[in-house]
């Protein structure tokens, strides 16, 4: 993924899909907007203001959502946005948006903003985002969106991963609460405060406070007289920039906007009160919190939205310069100060975990309760991305068990595929319980459940035999993340990857192996038949176990899968849902 964990870039451009009538396929929800940056769109540095860019991105995404829904739509939330580059006056902004997946009443829209220099004919990505839109009904009944049918390889990938991103959005607030309540996090905050106290250099947070009011007029609204989400974001970016400027007495650069949700609607005639304040400063960045509230006449204020924006101040060479510490206000100021630290940790966890590549060592990422959500997400995401590769080569076939290989970016992956006469839900339950894998897989000598994280994620220690006579046995600490289908046609997923635990360090007499990406996808062929795929992205610790199979010198993969088939058939009756007892 990109460094901020936003959107995966497939490594090969897919060929154009030719329709039956000879035309080239184009996603029916795709909307493109191109705008040349004029001085009225720019800031003092003659660069496109982020607020204007957000308005264009929201408008483009809304048109895409409405094209799919066939009715008006409103912005419900926007995932993290990381601004990689800036855009100058005279350059062209190209924005592309399309619906990745529709759920019940909401849909995910992927947005890519890029810049085009007309004189040098160069192009670069500015930012990428995922926005959630909700279809608005005109009557009393909710709109139920039609399902999206992905046609191309890239659409299939985005469709598959959209379900996992949706899961992250739904638990985002709980993740924040759990981190703030953890004892280890509170201790780290106390240490940071003690180390960083320098009262002479501290800037009072009150000095950065900004309050502004905007009157919502017809040009600020959509065809349903609701205020454009992009317009609200633009106003919020404006007051946040002023607050950041007051801290550093310079012109700051916006780098990141954290994931946020629109809490309520706003209409023409509303007065929007926008408040901003610097919540915390770090070595080279600061977090500004922004709140938007609306009212009409004598009515009480309505909370429309809150957002958190990270700014940097660049020196003449374009490098971030140090910032002074902030002195938070009493009560709420201290709460915002702590929450800013938590959000930064979450951002760093996401960035480190989600952007980690299988070519980097170590492959294992330290596990702890505060990063569990992102490790689980990345675990499932990596397996889905591996399964979505479209250049698998059939290496051998025996007894209806197929072995495929994929050589890519100096790595070798393999996939074993077979059908079994066992319902998919039951196969998922059996295969997701790694403690039973030694019953059918000779490569699993022992498998011990060491951390039952929750119903979706469990951590095991696996012991495997030596690949050479007289050699050391090998062990793995594996996070197993399991997911049932989100919709009809989705697979069951059991994803595996290595993690590190301080309670289980490497042992001298045992080689510690690592797995970047492995696991099962299980599709329902019929009520009594399922198709099982096992994937593994090999590395030096895993390759010796399957090298002879891939070279065609052995068929142990076939015997292992036949053993798996026998195991599933012998246990095909029983519950088909995961219960707490299974943990």
Protein backbone atom coordinates (compact mmCIF):
# COMPACT_ATOMS: atom_id res chain seq x y z
CA UNK A 1 0.00 0.00 0.00
CA UNK A 2 0.99 3.63 0.02
CA UNK A 3 2.98 4.88 2.97
CA UNK A 4 -0.17 6.11 4.70
CA UNK A 5 -2.03 2.87 4.11
CA UNK A 6 -4.54 4.38 1.75
CA UNK A 7 -4.86 2.56 -1.53
CA UNK A 8 -3.00 -0.40 -3.01
CA UNK A 9 -1.31 0.06 -6.32
CA UNK A 10 -1.42 -3.04 -8.49
CA UNK A 11 2.00 -3.67 -9.91
CA UNK A 12 0.90 -4.27 -13.47
CA UNK A 13 -1.53 -2.23 -15.50
CA UNK A 14 -4.34 -4.47 -16.57
CA UNK A 15 -5.28 -4.81 -20.19
CA UNK A 16 -8.39 -3.02 -21.41
CA UNK A 17 -11.53 -5.11 -21.21
CA UNK A 18 -13.12 -5.39 -24.64
CA UNK A 19 -16.91 -5.66 -24.68
CA UNK A 20 -18.93 -7.94 -26.95
CA UNK A 21 -19.79 -5.01 -29.21
CA UNK A 22 -16.09 -4.23 -29.65
CA UNK A 23 -16.08 -1.23 -27.32
CA UNK A 24 -13.74 -0.75 -24.37
CA UNK A 25 -15.26 -1.35 -20.94
CA UNK A 26 -15.55 1.61 -18.61
CA UNK A 27 -16.83 1.41 -15.05
CA UNK A 28 -20.38 2.83 -15.16
CA UNK A 29 -19.85 4.65 -11.83
CA UNK A 30 -16.59 6.30 -12.88
CA UNK A 31 -16.57 10.10 -12.88
CA UNK A 32 -13.63 12.29 -13.89
CA UNK A 33 -13.10 15.97 -13.21
CA UNK A 34 -10.27 18.15 -14.54
CA UNK A 35 -9.64 21.66 -13.25
CA UNK A 36 -6.90 24.13 -14.08
CA UNK A 37 -5.60 25.88 -10.97
CA UNK A 38 -6.22 29.62 -11.14
CA UNK A 39 -4.93 32.31 -8.76
CA UNK A 40 -8.34 32.41 -7.05
CA UNK A 41 -7.86 28.74 -6.06
CA UNK A 42 -4.37 29.26 -4.63
CA UNK A 43 -2.83 30.28 -1.33
CA UNK A 44 -0.03 32.78 -0.68
CA UNK A 45 2.56 30.32 -2.06
CA UNK A 46 0.66 30.10 -5.35
CA UNK A 47 -0.27 26.50 -4.56
CA UNK A 48 -3.75 25.04 -4.75
CA UNK A 49 -5.41 25.36 -1.35
CA UNK A 50 -6.29 22.04 0.24
CA UNK A 51 -9.79 23.31 0.97
CA UNK A 52 -10.48 23.84 -2.74
CA UNK A 53 -9.07 20.40 -3.54
CA UNK A 54 -11.34 18.80 -0.92
CA UNK A 55 -14.38 20.52 -2.48
CA UNK A 56 -13.52 19.16 -5.92
CA UNK A 57 -12.85 15.68 -4.57
CA UNK A 58 -16.15 15.59 -2.66
CA UNK A 59 -18.14 16.80 -5.67
CA UNK A 60 -16.58 14.19 -7.96
CA UNK A 61 -17.15 11.38 -5.45
CA UNK A 62 -20.75 12.45 -4.85
CA UNK A 63 -21.49 12.36 -8.59
CA UNK A 64 -20.05 8.84 -8.75
CA UNK A 65 -22.15 7.68 -5.79
CA UNK A 66 -25.31 9.19 -7.26
CA UNK A 67 -24.61 7.61 -10.62
CA UNK A 68 -24.72 4.20 -8.94
CA UNK A 69 -27.55 4.90 -6.49
CA UNK A 70 -29.84 6.69 -8.94
CA UNK A 71 -30.77 9.16 -6.21
CA UNK A 72 -29.20 11.88 -4.11
CA UNK A 73 -26.35 10.92 -1.77
CA UNK A 74 -24.59 12.58 1.16
CA UNK A 75 -21.06 12.20 2.49
CA UNK A 76 -21.04 10.05 5.63
CA UNK A 77 -17.31 9.73 6.29
CA UNK A 78 -13.87 10.08 4.75
CA UNK A 79 -10.90 7.87 5.57
CA UNK A 80 -7.44 9.26 6.28
CA UNK A 81 -6.11 11.55 3.55
CA UNK A 82 -2.36 12.03 3.18
CA UNK A 83 -1.25 14.82 0.85
CA UNK A 84 1.91 13.67 -0.91
CA UNK A 85 2.57 16.63 -3.21
CA UNK A 86 1.36 20.17 -3.86
CA UNK A 87 -0.15 21.69 -7.01
CA UNK A 88 0.86 25.05 -8.46
CA UNK A 89 -1.05 27.74 -10.31
CA UNK A 90 -1.37 26.85 -13.98
CA UNK A 91 -1.22 23.11 -13.39
CA UNK A 92 -4.15 20.78 -13.93
CA UNK A 93 -5.86 18.72 -11.24
CA UNK A 94 -7.33 15.42 -12.46
CA UNK A 95 -9.74 13.72 -10.08
CA UNK A 96 -11.12 10.25 -10.69
CA UNK A 97 -13.81 8.64 -8.52
CA UNK A 98 -15.69 5.36 -8.76
CA UNK A 99 -17.76 3.18 -6.47
CA UNK A 100 -15.72 0.25 -5.16
CA UNK A 101 -18.54 -1.55 -3.40
CA UNK A 102 -22.15 -1.00 -2.37
CA UNK A 103 -23.45 -2.38 0.90
CA UNK A 104 -27.04 -1.90 2.08
CA UNK A 105 -27.66 1.84 2.13
CA UNK A 106 -24.04 3.00 1.93
CA UNK A 107 -21.21 2.63 -0.56
CA UNK A 108 -17.46 3.15 -0.66
CA UNK A 109 -16.13 5.52 -3.30
CA UNK A 110 -12.44 5.49 -4.17
CA UNK A 111 -10.93 8.86 -5.10
CA UNK A 112 -7.57 9.59 -6.73
CA UNK A 113 -6.34 13.15 -7.24
CA UNK A 114 -3.36 13.69 -9.51
CA UNK A 115 -1.57 16.64 -11.02
CA UNK A 116 -0.62 17.25 -14.62
CA UNK A 117 1.98 19.77 -15.72
CA UNK A 118 0.98 20.86 -19.22
CA UNK A 119 4.43 22.18 -20.09
CA UNK A 120 6.61 19.25 -19.02
CA UNK A 121 3.90 16.59 -19.64
CA UNK A 122 4.66 15.11 -16.20
CA UNK A 123 2.08 13.54 -13.88
CA UNK A 124 2.10 12.70 -10.17
CA UNK A 125 -0.31 11.56 -7.50
CA UNK A 126 -1.38 14.17 -4.98
CA UNK A 127 -3.60 12.13 -2.67
CA UNK A 128 -5.92 9.17 -2.54
CA UNK A 129 -8.97 8.69 -0.35
CA UNK A 130 -11.95 6.49 0.38
CA UNK A 131 -15.26 8.18 1.14
CA UNK A 132 -18.48 6.59 2.34
CA UNK A 133 -21.72 7.94 0.89
CA UNK A 134 -25.27 7.19 2.02
CA UNK A 135 -28.20 7.17 -0.37
CA UNK A 136 -31.02 9.49 0.67
CA UNK A 137 -34.60 8.36 0.20
CA UNK A 138 -37.34 10.74 -0.86
CA UNK A 139 -40.01 8.87 1.09
CA UNK A 140 -40.22 6.99 4.37
CA UNK A 141 -38.46 3.82 3.21
CA UNK A 142 -34.70 3.48 3.07
CA UNK A 143 -32.97 3.09 -0.26
CA UNK A 144 -31.47 -0.37 -0.74
CA UNK A 145 -28.58 -0.09 -3.15
CA UNK A 146 -28.08 -2.53 -5.97
CA UNK A 147 -24.96 -4.64 -5.74
CA UNK A 148 -21.92 -3.68 -7.78
CA UNK A 149 -20.55 -6.31 -10.16
CA UNK A 150 -16.76 -5.92 -10.53
CA UNK A 151 -15.64 -6.64 -14.08
CA UNK A 152 -11.89 -6.05 -14.19
CA UNK A 153 -9.12 -7.44 -12.04
CA UNK A 154 -8.54 -4.12 -10.31
CA UNK A 155 -12.25 -3.71 -9.57
CA UNK A 156 -12.35 -7.20 -8.06
CA UNK A 157 -9.45 -6.34 -5.77
CA UNK A 158 -11.04 -3.09 -4.56
CA UNK A 159 -14.41 -4.82 -4.17
CA UNK A 160 -12.88 -7.52 -2.00
CA UNK A 161 -10.83 -5.23 0.23
CA UNK A 162 -13.67 -2.68 0.67
CA UNK A 163 -15.36 -5.04 3.12
CA UNK A 164 -12.25 -5.07 5.32
CA UNK A 165 -11.93 -1.27 5.19
CA UNK A 166 -15.58 -0.98 6.23
CA UNK A 167 -14.88 -3.18 9.23
CA UNK A 168 -12.04 -0.85 10.26
CA UNK A 169 -14.29 2.21 10.04
CA UNK A 170 -16.93 0.64 12.26
CA UNK A 171 -14.45 -0.09 15.07
CA UNK A 172 -12.33 3.07 14.67
CA UNK A 173 -13.86 4.86 17.70
CA UNK A 174 -13.61 1.75 19.89
CA UNK A 175 -9.94 1.39 18.97
CA UNK A 176 -9.31 4.94 20.17
CA UNK A 177 -11.15 4.36 23.46
CA UNK A 178 -9.30 1.11 24.16
CA UNK A 179 -5.94 2.81 23.61
CA UNK A 180 -6.76 5.75 25.89
CA UNK A 181 -7.88 3.37 28.65
CA UNK A 182 -4.81 1.13 28.48
CA UNK A 183 -2.43 1.34 31.43
CA UNK A 184 0.70 1.16 29.26
CA UNK A 185 -0.46 4.10 27.17
CA UNK A 186 -1.19 6.25 30.22
CA UNK A 187 2.30 5.46 31.53
CA UNK A 188 3.91 6.47 28.23
CA UNK A 189 2.01 9.79 28.31
CA UNK A 190 3.29 10.53 31.81
CA UNK A 191 6.86 9.82 30.68
CA UNK A 192 6.44 12.08 27.65
CA UNK A 193 5.10 14.96 29.76
CA UNK A 194 7.94 14.61 32.30
CA UNK A 195 10.61 14.52 29.57
CA UNK A 196 9.20 17.33 27.46
CA UNK A 197 8.42 19.97 30.08
CA UNK A 198 10.06 23.27 29.21
CA UNK A 199 7.76 25.99 30.49
CA UNK A 200 9.81 28.82 29.01
CA UNK A 201 9.35 27.55 25.45
CA UNK A 202 5.74 26.37 25.79
CA UNK A 203 3.08 28.15 23.76
CA UNK A 204 -0.32 28.44 25.49
CA UNK A 205 -2.94 26.52 23.51
CA UNK A 206 -5.38 29.36 24.09
CA UNK A 207 -3.24 31.57 21.81
CA UNK A 208 -4.00 29.28 18.88
CA UNK A 209 -7.77 29.23 19.35
CA UNK A 210 -9.80 30.31 16.30
CA UNK A 211 -13.55 30.80 15.94
CA UNK A 212 -15.26 31.76 12.71
CA UNK A 213 -18.81 31.77 11.37
CA UNK A 214 -20.07 31.02 7.88
CA UNK A 215 -23.55 31.53 6.41
CA UNK A 216 -24.61 28.62 4.20
CA UNK A 217 -25.82 30.10 0.90
CA UNK A 218 -27.23 28.31 -2.18
CA UNK A 219 -23.81 28.11 -3.92
CA UNK A 220 -22.55 26.10 -0.94
CA UNK A 221 -25.30 23.48 -1.23
CA UNK A 222 -26.16 20.56 -3.48
CA UNK A 223 -29.36 19.96 -5.38
CA UNK A 224 -31.01 18.80 -2.12
CA UNK A 225 -30.13 22.15 -0.44
CA UNK A 226 -27.80 20.30 1.94
CA UNK A 227 -24.35 21.80 2.44
CA UNK A 228 -21.70 20.02 0.41
CA UNK A 229 -19.44 17.93 2.63
CA UNK A 230 -16.47 19.26 0.69
CA UNK A 231 -17.50 22.83 1.45
CA UNK A 232 -17.62 22.10 5.18
CA UNK A 233 -14.20 20.43 4.95
CA UNK A 234 -12.84 23.49 3.14
CA UNK A 235 -14.09 25.84 5.86
CA UNK A 236 -12.63 23.57 8.52
CA UNK A 237 -9.27 23.48 6.76
CA UNK A 238 -9.25 27.29 6.68
CA UNK A 239 -9.66 27.77 10.46
CA UNK A 240 -7.25 24.89 11.17
CA UNK A 241 -4.58 26.60 9.07
CA UNK A 242 -5.06 29.85 10.99
CA UNK A 243 -4.72 28.01 14.33
CA UNK A 244 -1.54 26.28 13.17
CA UNK A 245 -0.11 29.59 11.93
CA UNK A 246 -0.64 31.21 15.31
CA UNK A 247 1.48 28.55 16.97
CA UNK A 248 4.47 28.75 14.63
CA UNK A 249 4.17 32.33 13.33
CA UNK A 250 4.67 30.92 9.84
CA UNK A 251 2.69 29.39 7.00
CA UNK A 252 2.07 25.68 7.77
CA UNK A 253 1.57 22.84 5.28
CA UNK A 254 -1.28 20.39 5.77
CA UNK A 255 -0.06 16.80 5.55
CA UNK A 256 -2.81 14.54 6.87
CA UNK A 257 -6.50 14.61 7.72
CA UNK A 258 -7.56 11.81 10.05
CA UNK A 259 -10.56 9.62 9.37
CA UNK A 260 -13.75 11.48 10.29
CA UNK A 261 -17.54 11.11 10.17
CA UNK A 262 -20.25 13.65 9.44
CA UNK A 263 -22.50 13.61 12.49
CA UNK A 264 -25.44 15.50 11.04
CA UNK A 265 -26.70 17.45 8.03
CA UNK A 266 -26.53 21.17 7.32
CA UNK A 267 -28.84 23.16 5.05
CA UNK A 268 -29.02 26.49 3.27
CA UNK A 269 -29.69 29.20 5.85
CA UNK A 270 -27.63 27.52 8.58
CA UNK A 271 -24.95 29.45 10.39
CA UNK A 272 -21.87 27.28 10.80
CA UNK A 273 -19.60 28.02 13.73
CA UNK A 274 -16.11 26.66 13.14
CA UNK A 275 -13.69 26.30 16.03
CA UNK A 276 -10.05 25.24 15.88
CA UNK A 277 -7.20 24.88 18.37
CA UNK A 278 -3.78 23.20 18.41
CA UNK A 279 -4.19 20.06 20.51
CA UNK A 280 -0.55 19.00 20.69
CA UNK A 281 2.83 19.47 19.07
CA UNK A 282 5.40 16.82 18.31
CA UNK A 283 8.96 17.19 17.12
CA UNK A 284 8.18 18.38 13.57
CA UNK A 285 4.39 18.35 13.40
CA UNK A 286 1.29 19.56 15.20
CA UNK A 287 -2.29 18.33 15.45
CA UNK A 288 -5.12 20.84 15.09
CA UNK A 289 -8.62 19.87 16.19
CA UNK A 290 -11.56 21.45 14.37
CA UNK A 291 -15.24 21.40 15.30
CA UNK A 292 -18.19 22.48 13.12
CA UNK A 293 -21.55 23.34 14.69
CA UNK A 294 -24.72 24.64 13.00
CA UNK A 295 -27.77 26.56 14.10
CA UNK A 296 -30.70 28.59 12.78
CA UNK A 297 -32.42 31.33 14.74
CA UNK A 298 -32.81 30.50 18.42
CA UNK A 299 -32.27 26.74 18.07
CA UNK A 300 -29.43 25.06 19.99
CA UNK A 301 -26.14 24.25 18.28
CA UNK A 302 -25.98 21.01 16.28
CA UNK A 303 -22.63 19.20 16.12
CA UNK A 304 -21.97 18.67 12.40
CA UNK A 305 -18.42 17.37 12.30
CA UNK A 306 -15.05 17.14 14.04
CA UNK A 307 -11.75 16.65 12.28
CA UNK A 308 -8.09 16.37 13.18
CA UNK A 309 -5.44 17.75 10.85
CA UNK A 310 -1.68 17.35 11.01
CA UNK A 311 0.48 20.27 9.87
CA UNK A 312 4.19 20.77 9.27
CA UNK A 313 6.22 23.93 8.84
CA UNK A 314 8.82 23.62 6.09
CA UNK A 315 12.14 25.45 5.96
CA UNK A 316 13.74 26.90 2.82
CA UNK A 317 14.99 23.44 1.82
CA UNK A 318 11.55 21.87 2.16
CA UNK A 319 12.33 19.94 5.36
CA UNK A 320 10.05 20.06 8.43
CA UNK A 321 11.39 22.36 11.10
CA UNK A 322 11.10 21.83 14.90
CA UNK A 323 8.01 23.22 16.62
CA UNK A 324 7.63 24.65 20.13
CA UNK A 325 5.79 22.56 22.76
CA UNK A 326 2.19 23.38 23.57
CA UNK A 327 0.80 24.12 27.00
CA UNK A 328 -2.70 22.60 27.03
CA UNK A 329 -5.67 24.27 28.67
CA UNK A 330 -7.01 22.75 31.89
CA UNK A 331 -9.59 19.93 31.73
CA UNK A 332 -10.65 19.59 28.06
CA UNK A 333 -7.25 20.80 26.88
CA UNK A 334 -5.50 17.97 28.70
CA UNK A 335 -7.96 15.47 27.26
CA UNK A 336 -7.30 16.75 23.72
CA UNK A 337 -3.55 16.68 24.44
CA UNK A 338 -3.71 12.98 25.35
CA UNK A 339 -6.04 12.07 22.49
CA UNK A 340 -3.64 13.70 20.02
CA UNK A 341 -0.87 11.40 21.24
CA UNK A 342 -3.20 8.41 20.83
CA UNK A 343 -4.14 9.43 17.30
CA UNK A 344 -0.48 9.83 16.39
CA UNK A 345 0.28 6.35 17.67
CA UNK A 346 -2.64 4.94 15.68
CA UNK A 347 -1.40 6.73 12.55
CA UNK A 348 2.12 5.38 13.03
CA UNK A 349 0.78 1.86 13.66
CA UNK A 350 -1.25 2.03 10.48
CA UNK A 351 1.64 3.45 8.47
CA UNK A 352 4.21 0.94 9.74
CA UNK A 353 2.04 -2.15 9.67
CA UNK A 354 0.12 -1.53 6.48
CA UNK A 355 3.07 -0.26 4.44
CA UNK A 356 5.46 -3.05 5.53
CA UNK A 357 6.67 -4.99 2.49
CA UNK A 358 7.59 -8.66 2.32
CA UNK A 359 11.07 -7.68 1.06
CA UNK A 360 11.78 -5.92 4.35
CA UNK A 361 13.17 -7.74 7.37
CA UNK A 362 12.06 -8.60 9.90
CA UNK A 363 8.72 -9.65 8.51
CA UNK A 364 7.20 -10.00 11.95
CA UNK A 365 5.55 -6.97 13.53
CA UNK A 366 5.30 -6.61 17.33
CA UNK A 367 1.77 -7.37 18.49
CA UNK A 368 0.03 -5.56 21.29
CA UNK A 369 -3.63 -4.71 21.96
CA UNK A 370 -3.24 -1.16 20.62
CA UNK A 371 -2.24 -2.22 17.10
CA UNK A 372 -4.31 -5.40 16.87
CA UNK A 373 -6.93 -3.80 14.62
CA UNK A 374 -4.38 -2.76 11.99
CA UNK A 375 -2.44 -6.01 12.13
CA UNK A 376 -5.67 -7.92 11.60
CA UNK A 377 -6.66 -5.64 8.73
CA UNK A 378 -3.25 -5.97 7.08
CA UNK A 379 -3.28 -9.73 7.56
CA UNK A 380 -6.56 -10.15 5.68
CA UNK A 381 -5.70 -7.44 3.15
CA UNK A 382 -2.37 -9.07 2.22
CA UNK A 383 -4.02 -12.45 1.63
CA UNK A 384 -6.77 -10.92 -0.50
CA UNK A 385 -4.20 -9.05 -2.56
CA UNK A 386 -2.17 -12.23 -3.09
CA UNK A 387 -5.32 -14.12 -4.11
CA UNK A 388 -6.20 -11.34 -6.56
CA UNK A 389 -3.00 -11.68 -8.56
CA UNK A 390 -3.88 -12.65 -12.11
CA UNK A 391 -0.68 -14.28 -13.33
CA UNK A 392 -0.79 -17.60 -11.51
CA UNK A 393 0.74 -20.45 -13.54
CA UNK A 394 -0.53 -24.03 -13.21
CA UNK A 395 2.58 -26.08 -12.29
CA UNK A 396 1.02 -29.48 -11.72
CA UNK A 397 -2.26 -31.29 -11.20
CA UNK A 398 -2.84 -34.61 -9.48
CA UNK A 399 -6.06 -36.18 -8.16
CA UNK A 400 -7.94 -32.93 -8.83
CA UNK A 401 -5.50 -31.02 -6.62
CA UNK A 402 -3.88 -28.13 -8.51
CA UNK A 403 -0.61 -26.39 -7.68
CA UNK A 404 -0.12 -22.86 -9.03
CA UNK A 405 2.97 -20.66 -8.74
CA UNK A 406 3.57 -16.95 -9.11
CA UNK A 407 6.99 -15.32 -9.52
CA UNK A 408 6.86 -11.60 -8.90
CA UNK A 409 9.24 -8.95 -7.55
CA UNK A 410 11.89 -11.51 -6.69
CA UNK A 411 9.45 -13.54 -4.61
CA UNK A 412 7.81 -16.88 -5.21
CA UNK A 413 4.26 -17.62 -4.11
CA UNK A 414 2.25 -20.78 -4.46
CA UNK A 415 -1.43 -21.69 -4.36
CA UNK A 416 -2.98 -25.11 -3.86
CA UNK A 417 -6.58 -25.54 -4.99
CA UNK A 418 -9.11 -28.34 -4.58
CA UNK A 419 -12.82 -28.92 -4.10
CA UNK A 420 -14.16 -30.82 -1.09
CA UNK A 421 -17.61 -32.23 -0.40
CA UNK A 422 -18.01 -30.23 2.79
CA UNK A 423 -20.15 -27.10 3.29
CA UNK A 424 -18.05 -23.94 3.12
CA UNK A 425 -19.09 -22.71 6.56
CA UNK A 426 -18.07 -26.01 8.15
CA UNK A 427 -14.73 -26.09 6.28
CA UNK A 428 -14.08 -22.53 7.46
CA UNK A 429 -14.70 -23.48 11.08
CA UNK A 430 -12.36 -26.47 10.90
CA UNK A 431 -9.53 -24.79 8.99
CA UNK A 432 -9.58 -21.63 11.08
CA UNK A 433 -8.85 -23.67 14.21
CA UNK A 434 -5.09 -24.05 13.77
CA UNK A 435 -4.84 -26.23 16.87
CA UNK A 436 -6.37 -29.04 14.76
CA UNK A 437 -4.05 -28.60 11.80
CA UNK A 438 -1.49 -31.18 13.06
CA UNK A 439 -4.25 -33.77 12.51
CA UNK A 440 -3.81 -33.46 8.75
CA UNK A 441 -0.64 -31.43 8.03
CA UNK A 442 2.69 -33.18 8.73
CA UNK A 443 4.45 -29.78 8.60
CA UNK A 444 2.59 -28.80 11.78
CA UNK A 445 4.27 -30.88 14.48
CA UNK A 446 2.63 -28.90 17.28
CA UNK A 447 0.25 -25.94 17.37
CA UNK A 448 -0.54 -24.15 20.60
CA UNK A 449 -3.03 -21.32 21.09
CA UNK A 450 -1.16 -18.71 23.15
CA UNK A 451 -3.28 -15.53 22.87
CA UNK A 452 -7.05 -15.74 22.19
CA UNK A 453 -7.39 -12.09 21.14
CA UNK A 454 -11.07 -12.20 20.18
CA UNK A 455 -13.44 -14.18 17.98
CA UNK A 456 -11.75 -12.92 14.81
CA UNK A 457 -8.08 -13.08 15.79
CA UNK A 458 -5.99 -15.68 17.59
CA UNK A 459 -2.23 -16.06 18.04
CA UNK A 460 -0.61 -19.50 17.86
CA UNK A 461 2.87 -20.94 18.30
CA UNK A 462 3.56 -23.52 15.60
CA UNK A 463 6.40 -26.04 15.73
CA UNK A 464 7.54 -27.57 12.44
CA UNK A 465 10.06 -30.38 11.82
CA UNK A 466 13.52 -29.73 10.43
CA UNK A 467 13.82 -29.77 6.64
CA UNK A 468 17.23 -31.41 6.87
CA UNK A 469 18.30 -34.50 8.76
CA UNK A 470 19.81 -33.55 12.09
CA UNK A 471 18.86 -29.90 11.67
CA UNK A 472 17.02 -27.68 14.11
CA UNK A 473 13.25 -27.68 14.29
CA UNK A 474 11.55 -24.39 13.45
CA UNK A 475 8.79 -22.44 15.15
CA UNK A 476 6.50 -19.60 14.12
CA UNK A 477 4.37 -17.14 16.09
CA UNK A 478 1.33 -16.70 13.85
CA UNK A 479 -1.61 -14.32 13.97
CA UNK A 480 -4.66 -16.07 12.49
CA UNK A 481 -7.35 -13.63 11.34
CA UNK A 482 -10.62 -15.11 10.15
CA UNK A 483 -13.50 -13.50 8.32
CA UNK A 484 -16.88 -14.85 7.19
CA UNK A 485 -18.30 -13.54 3.88
CA UNK A 486 -19.61 -9.97 3.85
CA UNK A 487 -22.05 -10.68 0.98
CA UNK A 488 -23.07 -13.57 -1.24
CA UNK A 489 -20.16 -14.60 -3.46
CA UNK A 490 -17.50 -13.46 -0.98
CA UNK A 491 -15.14 -16.15 0.34
CA UNK A 492 -14.48 -17.21 3.88
CA UNK A 493 -10.95 -16.07 4.75
CA UNK A 494 -8.36 -17.44 7.17
CA UNK A 495 -5.24 -15.25 6.98
CA UNK A 496 -1.89 -15.99 8.65
CA UNK A 497 1.15 -13.83 9.29
CA UNK A 498 4.03 -13.73 11.76
CA UNK A 499 4.05 -11.45 14.79
CA UNK A 500 6.42 -11.09 17.71
CA UNK A 501 5.47 -11.41 21.37
CA UNK A 502 7.71 -10.46 24.30
CA UNK A 503 6.36 -13.51 26.16
CA UNK A 504 7.60 -15.86 23.42
CA UNK A 505 11.11 -14.80 22.30
CA UNK A 506 13.22 -17.01 19.99
CA UNK A 507 14.80 -20.08 21.62
CA UNK A 508 18.45 -21.02 21.03
CA UNK A 509 17.73 -24.63 20.04
CA UNK A 510 14.92 -23.69 17.65
CA UNK A 511 15.03 -21.64 14.46
CA UNK A 512 12.46 -18.82 14.48
CA UNK A 513 10.70 -18.74 11.10
CA UNK A 514 8.59 -15.94 9.66
CA UNK A 515 5.52 -15.87 7.43
CA UNK A 516 4.51 -12.67 5.68
CA UNK A 517 1.34 -13.88 4.01
CA UNK A 518 -0.40 -17.26 4.02
CA UNK A 519 -3.87 -18.67 4.54
CA UNK A 520 -7.07 -20.04 3.06
CA UNK A 521 -9.92 -18.69 0.97
CA UNK A 522 -13.02 -20.89 0.95
CA UNK A 523 -15.77 -20.41 -1.65
CA UNK A 524 -19.19 -22.01 -1.56
CA UNK A 525 -19.70 -24.03 -4.76
CA UNK A 526 -23.01 -25.52 -3.57
CA UNK A 527 -24.66 -26.23 -0.24
CA UNK A 528 -22.48 -29.32 0.20
CA UNK A 529 -19.34 -28.48 -1.82
CA UNK A 530 -16.68 -25.83 -1.26
CA UNK A 531 -13.57 -24.77 -3.17
CA UNK A 532 -10.51 -24.32 -0.97
CA UNK A 533 -7.40 -22.37 -1.92
CA UNK A 534 -4.29 -22.34 0.24
CA UNK A 535 -1.77 -19.53 -0.37
CA UNK A 536 1.77 -18.92 0.83
CA UNK A 537 4.19 -16.15 -0.04
CA UNK A 538 7.45 -18.00 0.42
CA UNK A 539 10.63 -16.84 2.08
CA UNK A 540 13.86 -18.66 3.01
CA UNK A 541 12.19 -20.16 6.09
CA UNK A 542 9.27 -21.64 4.18
CA UNK A 543 10.65 -22.41 0.73
CA UNK A 544 12.52 -25.64 1.65
CA UNK A 545 9.23 -27.29 2.62
CA UNK A 546 7.71 -26.95 -0.84
CA UNK A 547 10.68 -26.50 -3.21
CA UNK A 548 10.59 -30.10 -4.44
CA UNK A 549 6.85 -29.82 -5.15
CA UNK A 550 7.28 -26.66 -7.22
CA UNK A 551 10.20 -28.23 -9.10
CA UNK A 552 8.01 -31.23 -9.95
CA UNK A 553 10.18 -33.66 -7.98
CA UNK A 554 7.55 -34.44 -5.37
CA UNK A 555 3.79 -34.48 -4.88
CA UNK A 556 3.65 -34.01 -1.11
CA UNK A 557 1.37 -30.97 -1.62
CA UNK A 558 -1.17 -33.34 -3.14
CA UNK A 559 -0.96 -35.87 -0.30
CA UNK A 560 -1.24 -33.04 2.26
CA UNK A 561 -4.38 -31.69 0.61
CA UNK A 562 -5.86 -35.18 0.30
CA UNK A 563 -5.18 -35.58 4.01
CA UNK A 564 -6.95 -32.26 4.57
CA UNK A 565 -9.88 -33.46 2.49
CA UNK A 566 -10.12 -36.64 4.56
CA UNK A 567 -9.99 -34.60 7.78
CA UNK A 568 -12.79 -32.33 6.58
CA UNK A 569 -14.98 -35.24 5.47
CA UNK A 570 -14.54 -37.03 8.79
CA UNK A 571 -15.63 -33.87 10.60
CA UNK A 572 -18.18 -32.52 8.12
CA UNK A 573 -21.04 -32.74 10.61
CA UNK A 574 -21.22 -30.34 13.51
CA UNK A 575 -21.69 -26.59 14.07
CA UNK A 576 -20.87 -24.24 11.20
CA UNK A 577 -20.39 -21.10 13.24
CA UNK A 578 -17.52 -20.04 15.47
CA UNK A 579 -18.42 -19.96 19.13
CA UNK A 580 -16.48 -18.82 22.16
CA UNK A 581 -16.00 -22.46 23.02
CA UNK A 582 -13.93 -22.89 19.85
CA UNK A 583 -11.43 -20.40 21.22
